[in-house]
Amino acid sequence: WGRLQGLMRFAQQLAPYAALKAECDAIEAQRSLLAQPDPVRPLLDRVVDLLRQALNKRVSDFQQVLATQLAQLASNADWVKLSAAQQDQLRSKHQLSLDVQVDLSTVEALQDALDACDIPHWASRIEALPSRFEAARQAAIQLLKPNVVHVSLPRRTLNDAAELKAWLSEVEALLAERLQQG
């Protein structure tokens, strides 16, 4: 029962949570924890399967994004100019060589994996990957060309050709000013 309660908190963001929670509440309300057949075990098995599937999906999504980003980085013109030592240093600095092996073989291992990184945190890790790879690309450029300055372009929604022309003029002026500064 304690293990089920512990795993239920990780299932809160998943679609079947309400039905599973209702079953937990019914077991508690009816005081059937000691009833035979055991009402907890089948519910625990369903929660474990649900969490295992959800976590496997997140890990798989993470691995796909990681592989895509690594391939893009490996084909980047500036990145390939770096020595292997420089590439390793940047990978380490930007945490790009992540070990994503997650043991879900037992209920205890699943609990440990979720304690280490729950399902919403996996979504955050996936969303953060492109930024970390972009930071590594920028660092590679800085190593190769120390005088290069990163310019942030103004962001806005463009609705027509006039707004596009105004934005392009603004960007052109901004870039011209940065070039004059060196």
C-alpha atoms as a PDB file:
ATOM      1  CA  TRP A   1       0.000   0.000   0.000  1.00  0.00           C
ATOM      2  CA  GLY A   2       2.822   2.392   0.852  1.00  0.00           C
ATOM      3  CA  ARG A   3       4.576   1.705  -2.446  1.00  0.00           C
ATOM      4  CA  LEU A   4       1.301   2.292  -4.330  1.00  0.00           C
ATOM      5  CA  GLN A   5       0.797   5.607  -2.537  1.00  0.00           C
ATOM      6  CA  GLY A   6       4.374   6.620  -3.352  1.00  0.00           C
ATOM      7  CA  LEU A   7       3.975   5.808  -7.043  1.00  0.00           C
ATOM      8  CA  MET A   8       0.556   7.468  -7.301  1.00  0.00           C
ATOM      9  CA  ARG A   9       2.105  10.902  -6.751  1.00  0.00           C
ATOM     10  CA  PHE A  10       4.151  10.389  -9.938  1.00  0.00           C
ATOM     11  CA  ALA A  11       1.019   9.449 -11.902  1.00  0.00           C
ATOM     12  CA  GLN A  12      -0.826  12.711 -11.173  1.00  0.00           C
ATOM     13  CA  GLN A  13      -0.009  14.225 -14.582  1.00  0.00           C
ATOM     14  CA  LEU A  14      -1.146  11.149 -16.502  1.00  0.00           C
ATOM     15  CA  ALA A  15      -4.598  10.792 -18.032  1.00  0.00           C
ATOM     16  CA  PRO A  16      -5.841   7.710 -16.090  1.00  0.00           C
ATOM     17  CA  TYR A  17      -4.907   9.233 -12.719  1.00  0.00           C
ATOM     18  CA  ALA A  18      -8.478  10.122 -11.699  1.00  0.00           C
ATOM     19  CA  ALA A  19      -9.711   6.538 -12.148  1.00  0.00           C
ATOM     20  CA  LEU A  20      -6.691   5.099 -10.358  1.00  0.00           C
ATOM     21  CA  LYS A  21      -7.063   7.585  -7.500  1.00  0.00           C
ATOM     22  CA  ALA A  22     -10.749   6.687  -7.183  1.00  0.00           C
ATOM     23  CA  GLU A  23      -9.811   3.009  -6.828  1.00  0.00           C
ATOM     24  CA  CYS A  24      -7.214   3.862  -4.163  1.00  0.00           C
ATOM     25  CA  ASP A  25      -9.752   5.954  -2.292  1.00  0.00           C
ATOM     26  CA  ALA A  26     -12.323   3.136  -2.509  1.00  0.00           C
ATOM     27  CA  ILE A  27      -9.868   0.603  -1.075  1.00  0.00           C
ATOM     28  CA  GLU A  28      -9.118   2.964   1.784  1.00  0.00           C
ATOM     29  CA  ALA A  29     -12.765   3.932   2.388  1.00  0.00           C
ATOM     30  CA  GLN A  30     -13.916   0.307   2.402  1.00  0.00           C
ATOM     31  CA  ARG A  31     -11.001  -0.686   4.626  1.00  0.00           C
ATOM     32  CA  SER A  32     -10.217  -3.549   2.301  1.00  0.00           C
ATOM     33  CA  LEU A  33      -6.411  -3.441   2.528  1.00  0.00           C
ATOM     34  CA  LEU A  34      -6.364  -6.874   4.136  1.00  0.00           C
ATOM     35  CA  ALA A  35      -9.155  -8.347   1.997  1.00  0.00           C
ATOM     36  CA  GLN A  36      -8.624 -11.451  -0.096  1.00  0.00           C
ATOM     37  CA  PRO A  37      -7.952 -11.417  -2.954  1.00  0.00           C
ATOM     38  CA  ASP A  38      -5.542  -8.538  -2.459  1.00  0.00           C
ATOM     39  CA  PRO A  39      -7.093  -5.407  -4.056  1.00  0.00           C
ATOM     40  CA  VAL A  40      -3.819  -3.470  -3.919  1.00  0.00           C
ATOM     41  CA  ARG A  41      -1.620  -5.726  -6.060  1.00  0.00           C
ATOM     42  CA  PRO A  42      -3.594  -5.420  -9.344  1.00  0.00           C
ATOM     43  CA  LEU A  43      -3.859  -1.666  -8.862  1.00  0.00           C
ATOM     44  CA  LEU A  44      -0.136  -1.406  -8.114  1.00  0.00           C
ATOM     45  CA  ASP A  45       0.618  -3.425 -11.256  1.00  0.00           C
ATOM     46  CA  ARG A  46      -1.518  -1.076 -13.368  1.00  0.00           C
ATOM     47  CA  VAL A  47       0.146   2.026 -11.903  1.00  0.00           C
ATOM     48  CA  VAL A  48       3.613   0.524 -12.443  1.00  0.00           C
ATOM     49  CA  ASP A  49       2.773  -0.341 -16.065  1.00  0.00           C
ATOM     50  CA  LEU A  50       1.374   3.129 -16.683  1.00  0.00           C
ATOM     51  CA  LEU A  51       4.407   4.860 -15.179  1.00  0.00           C
ATOM     52  CA  ARG A  52       6.836   2.545 -16.947  1.00  0.00           C
ATOM     53  CA  GLN A  53       5.195   3.293 -20.324  1.00  0.00           C
ATOM     54  CA  ALA A  54       5.155   7.032 -19.674  1.00  0.00           C
ATOM     55  CA  LEU A  55       8.773   7.088 -18.532  1.00  0.00           C
ATOM     56  CA  ASN A  56       9.904   4.899 -21.440  1.00  0.00           C
ATOM     57  CA  LYS A  57       8.175   7.325 -23.815  1.00  0.00           C
ATOM     58  CA  ARG A  58       9.936  10.331 -22.269  1.00  0.00           C
ATOM     59  CA  VAL A  59      13.320   8.611 -22.315  1.00  0.00           C
ATOM     60  CA  SER A  60      12.782   7.581 -25.943  1.00  0.00           C
ATOM     61  CA  ASP A  61      11.786  11.147 -26.874  1.00  0.00           C
ATOM     62  CA  PHE A  62      14.873  12.453 -25.080  1.00  0.00           C
ATOM     63  CA  GLN A  63      17.122   9.999 -26.923  1.00  0.00           C
ATOM     64  CA  GLN A  64      15.608  10.994 -30.292  1.00  0.00           C
ATOM     65  CA  VAL A  65      16.109  14.712 -29.678  1.00  0.00           C
ATOM     66  CA  LEU A  66      19.614  14.046 -28.345  1.00  0.00           C
ATOM     67  CA  ALA A  67      20.537  11.991 -31.420  1.00  0.00           C
ATOM     68  CA  THR A  68      19.153  14.661 -33.767  1.00  0.00           C
ATOM     69  CA  GLN A  69      21.024  17.434 -31.980  1.00  0.00           C
ATOM     70  CA  LEU A  70      24.258  15.417 -31.883  1.00  0.00           C
ATOM     71  CA  ALA A  71      23.986  14.773 -35.632  1.00  0.00           C
ATOM     72  CA  GLN A  72      23.401  18.468 -36.322  1.00  0.00           C
ATOM     73  CA  LEU A  73      26.352  19.394 -34.132  1.00  0.00           C
ATOM     74  CA  ALA A  74      28.617  16.838 -35.827  1.00  0.00           C
ATOM     75  CA  SER A  75      27.774  18.329 -39.238  1.00  0.00           C
ATOM     76  CA  ASN A  76      28.238  21.945 -38.107  1.00  0.00           C
ATOM     77  CA  ALA A  77      31.043  23.599 -40.102  1.00  0.00           C
ATOM     78  CA  ASP A  78      32.504  25.347 -37.070  1.00  0.00           C
ATOM     79  CA  TRP A  79      32.241  22.306 -34.799  1.00  0.00           C
ATOM     80  CA  VAL A  80      34.253  20.060 -37.155  1.00  0.00           C
ATOM     81  CA  LYS A  81      37.095  22.590 -37.147  1.00  0.00           C
ATOM     82  CA  LEU A  82      37.622  22.071 -33.420  1.00  0.00           C
ATOM     83  CA  SER A  83      40.098  19.531 -32.120  1.00  0.00           C
ATOM     84  CA  ALA A  84      38.755  16.409 -30.444  1.00  0.00           C
ATOM     85  CA  ALA A  85      39.899  17.783 -27.072  1.00  0.00           C
ATOM     86  CA  GLN A  86      38.038  21.060 -27.643  1.00  0.00           C
ATOM     87  CA  GLN A  87      34.901  19.176 -28.682  1.00  0.00           C
ATOM     88  CA  ASP A  88      35.110  16.989 -25.568  1.00  0.00           C
ATOM     89  CA  GLN A  89      35.601  20.061 -23.390  1.00  0.00           C
ATOM     90  CA  LEU A  90      32.520  21.772 -24.881  1.00  0.00           C
ATOM     91  CA  ARG A  91      30.434  18.590 -24.643  1.00  0.00           C
ATOM     92  CA  SER A  92      31.338  18.337 -20.977  1.00  0.00           C
ATOM     93  CA  LYS A  93      30.806  22.026 -20.266  1.00  0.00           C
ATOM     94  CA  HIS A  94      27.343  22.026 -21.876  1.00  0.00           C
ATOM     95  CA  GLN A  95      26.415  18.532 -20.604  1.00  0.00           C
ATOM     96  CA  LEU A  96      25.877  17.096 -24.072  1.00  0.00           C
ATOM     97  CA  SER A  97      27.065  13.541 -23.473  1.00  0.00           C
ATOM     98  CA  LEU A  98      24.286  12.466 -21.170  1.00  0.00           C
ATOM     99  CA  ASP A  99      23.829   8.878 -20.102  1.00  0.00           C
ATOM    100  CA  VAL A 100      20.129   8.190 -20.525  1.00  0.00           C
ATOM    101  CA  GLN A 101      20.037   4.584 -19.395  1.00  0.00           C
ATOM    102  CA  VAL A 102      17.103   4.217 -17.027  1.00  0.00           C
ATOM    103  CA  ASP A 103      16.515   0.965 -15.163  1.00  0.00           C
ATOM    104  CA  LEU A 104      12.788   0.208 -14.968  1.00  0.00           C
ATOM    105  CA  SER A 105      13.071  -3.532 -14.432  1.00  0.00           C
ATOM    106  CA  THR A 106      11.579  -3.640 -10.941  1.00  0.00           C
ATOM    107  CA  VAL A 107       9.120  -1.571  -8.944  1.00  0.00           C
ATOM    108  CA  GLU A 108      12.003  -0.359  -6.761  1.00  0.00           C
ATOM    109  CA  ALA A 109      14.072   0.612  -9.814  1.00  0.00           C
ATOM    110  CA  LEU A 110      11.079   2.475 -11.260  1.00  0.00           C
ATOM    111  CA  GLN A 111      10.616   4.319  -7.965  1.00  0.00           C
ATOM    112  CA  ASP A 112      14.330   5.237  -7.918  1.00  0.00           C
ATOM    113  CA  ALA A 113      14.204   6.432 -11.539  1.00  0.00           C
ATOM    114  CA  LEU A 114      11.170   8.610 -10.832  1.00  0.00           C
ATOM    115  CA  ASP A 115      12.751   9.966  -7.650  1.00  0.00           C
ATOM    116  CA  ALA A 116      15.826  10.922  -9.668  1.00  0.00           C
ATOM    117  CA  CYS A 117      13.876  12.501 -12.539  1.00  0.00           C
ATOM    118  CA  ASP A 118      10.082  12.468 -12.638  1.00  0.00           C
ATOM    119  CA  ILE A 119       7.996  12.613 -15.818  1.00  0.00           C
ATOM    120  CA  PRO A 120       7.503  16.419 -15.961  1.00  0.00           C
ATOM    121  CA  HIS A 121      11.237  16.876 -15.392  1.00  0.00           C
ATOM    122  CA  TRP A 122      11.935  14.659 -18.418  1.00  0.00           C
ATOM    123  CA  ALA A 123       9.806  17.043 -20.497  1.00  0.00           C
ATOM    124  CA  SER A 124      11.931  19.945 -19.251  1.00  0.00           C
ATOM    125  CA  ARG A 125      15.129  18.073 -20.082  1.00  0.00           C
ATOM    126  CA  ILE A 126      13.865  17.414 -23.611  1.00  0.00           C
ATOM    127  CA  GLU A 127      12.936  21.080 -24.105  1.00  0.00           C
ATOM    128  CA  ALA A 128      16.348  22.214 -22.825  1.00  0.00           C
ATOM    129  CA  LEU A 129      18.428  20.123 -25.238  1.00  0.00           C
ATOM    130  CA  PRO A 130      18.257  22.454 -28.285  1.00  0.00           C
ATOM    131  CA  SER A 131      19.347  25.452 -26.166  1.00  0.00           C
ATOM    132  CA  ARG A 132      22.283  23.546 -24.719  1.00  0.00           C
ATOM    133  CA  PHE A 133      23.411  22.471 -28.176  1.00  0.00           C
ATOM    134  CA  GLU A 134      23.023  26.020 -29.459  1.00  0.00           C
ATOM    135  CA  ALA A 135      25.182  27.256 -26.575  1.00  0.00           C
ATOM    136  CA  ALA A 136      27.832  24.674 -27.532  1.00  0.00           C
ATOM    137  CA  ARG A 137      27.716  25.856 -31.171  1.00  0.00           C
ATOM    138  CA  GLN A 138      28.128  29.461 -30.029  1.00  0.00           C
ATOM    139  CA  ALA A 139      31.043  28.467 -27.795  1.00  0.00           C
ATOM    140  CA  ALA A 140      32.677  26.680 -30.743  1.00  0.00           C
ATOM    141  CA  ILE A 141      32.354  29.833 -32.827  1.00  0.00           C
ATOM    142  CA  GLN A 142      33.886  31.885 -29.993  1.00  0.00           C
ATOM    143  CA  LEU A 143      36.852  29.496 -29.824  1.00  0.00           C
ATOM    144  CA  LEU A 144      37.454  29.730 -33.561  1.00  0.00           C
ATOM    145  CA  LYS A 145      36.626  33.397 -34.038  1.00  0.00           C
ATOM    146  CA  PRO A 146      37.037  35.281 -30.748  1.00  0.00           C
ATOM    147  CA  ASN A 147      35.972  38.617 -32.291  1.00  0.00           C
ATOM    148  CA  VAL A 148      32.556  37.354 -33.325  1.00  0.00           C
ATOM    149  CA  VAL A 149      29.685  39.002 -31.470  1.00  0.00           C
ATOM    150  CA  HIS A 150      26.295  37.359 -31.109  1.00  0.00           C
ATOM    151  CA  VAL A 151      23.492  39.750 -32.018  1.00  0.00           C
ATOM    152  CA  SER A 152      19.978  39.140 -30.764  1.00  0.00           C
ATOM    153  CA  LEU A 153      17.436  40.157 -33.357  1.00  0.00           C
ATOM    154  CA  PRO A 154      14.219  41.887 -32.307  1.00  0.00           C
ATOM    155  CA  ARG A 155      11.299  39.473 -32.085  1.00  0.00           C
ATOM    156  CA  ARG A 156       7.831  40.277 -33.260  1.00  0.00           C
ATOM    157  CA  THR A 157       4.946  38.883 -35.223  1.00  0.00           C
ATOM    158  CA  LEU A 158       4.868  40.155 -38.785  1.00  0.00           C
ATOM    159  CA  ASN A 159       1.425  40.508 -40.304  1.00  0.00           C
ATOM    160  CA  ASP A 160       2.069  42.097 -43.669  1.00  0.00           C
ATOM    161  CA  ALA A 161       4.762  43.212 -46.112  1.00  0.00           C
ATOM    162  CA  ALA A 162       5.022  46.699 -44.574  1.00  0.00           C
ATOM    163  CA  GLU A 163       5.788  45.252 -41.136  1.00  0.00           C
ATOM    164  CA  LEU A 164       8.332  42.917 -42.720  1.00  0.00           C
ATOM    165  CA  LYS A 165      10.096  45.835 -44.441  1.00  0.00           C
ATOM    166  CA  ALA A 166      10.125  47.858 -41.210  1.00  0.00           C
ATOM    167  CA  TRP A 167      11.565  44.885 -39.291  1.00  0.00           C
ATOM    168  CA  LEU A 168      14.225  44.273 -41.957  1.00  0.00           C
ATOM    169  CA  SER A 169      15.224  47.958 -41.814  1.00  0.00           C
ATOM    170  CA  GLU A 170      15.502  47.777 -38.034  1.00  0.00           C
ATOM    171  CA  VAL A 171      17.606  44.606 -38.222  1.00  0.00           C
ATOM    172  CA  GLU A 172      19.827  46.103 -40.920  1.00  0.00           C
ATOM    173  CA  ALA A 173      20.439  49.196 -38.785  1.00  0.00           C
ATOM    174  CA  LEU A 174      21.187  47.050 -35.722  1.00  0.00           C
ATOM    175  CA  LEU A 175      23.663  44.866 -37.632  1.00  0.00           C
ATOM    176  CA  ALA A 176      25.337  47.898 -39.259  1.00  0.00           C
ATOM    177  CA  GLU A 177      25.777  49.455 -35.822  1.00  0.00           C
ATOM    178  CA  ARG A 178      27.322  46.250 -34.438  1.00  0.00           C
ATOM    179  CA  LEU A 179      29.691  45.968 -37.395  1.00  0.00           C
ATOM    180  CA  GLN A 180      30.897  49.535 -36.827  1.00  0.00           C
ATOM    181  CA  GLN A 181      31.570  48.692 -33.187  1.00  0.00           C
ATOM    182  CA  GLY A 182      33.852  45.906 -34.316  1.00  0.00           C
END
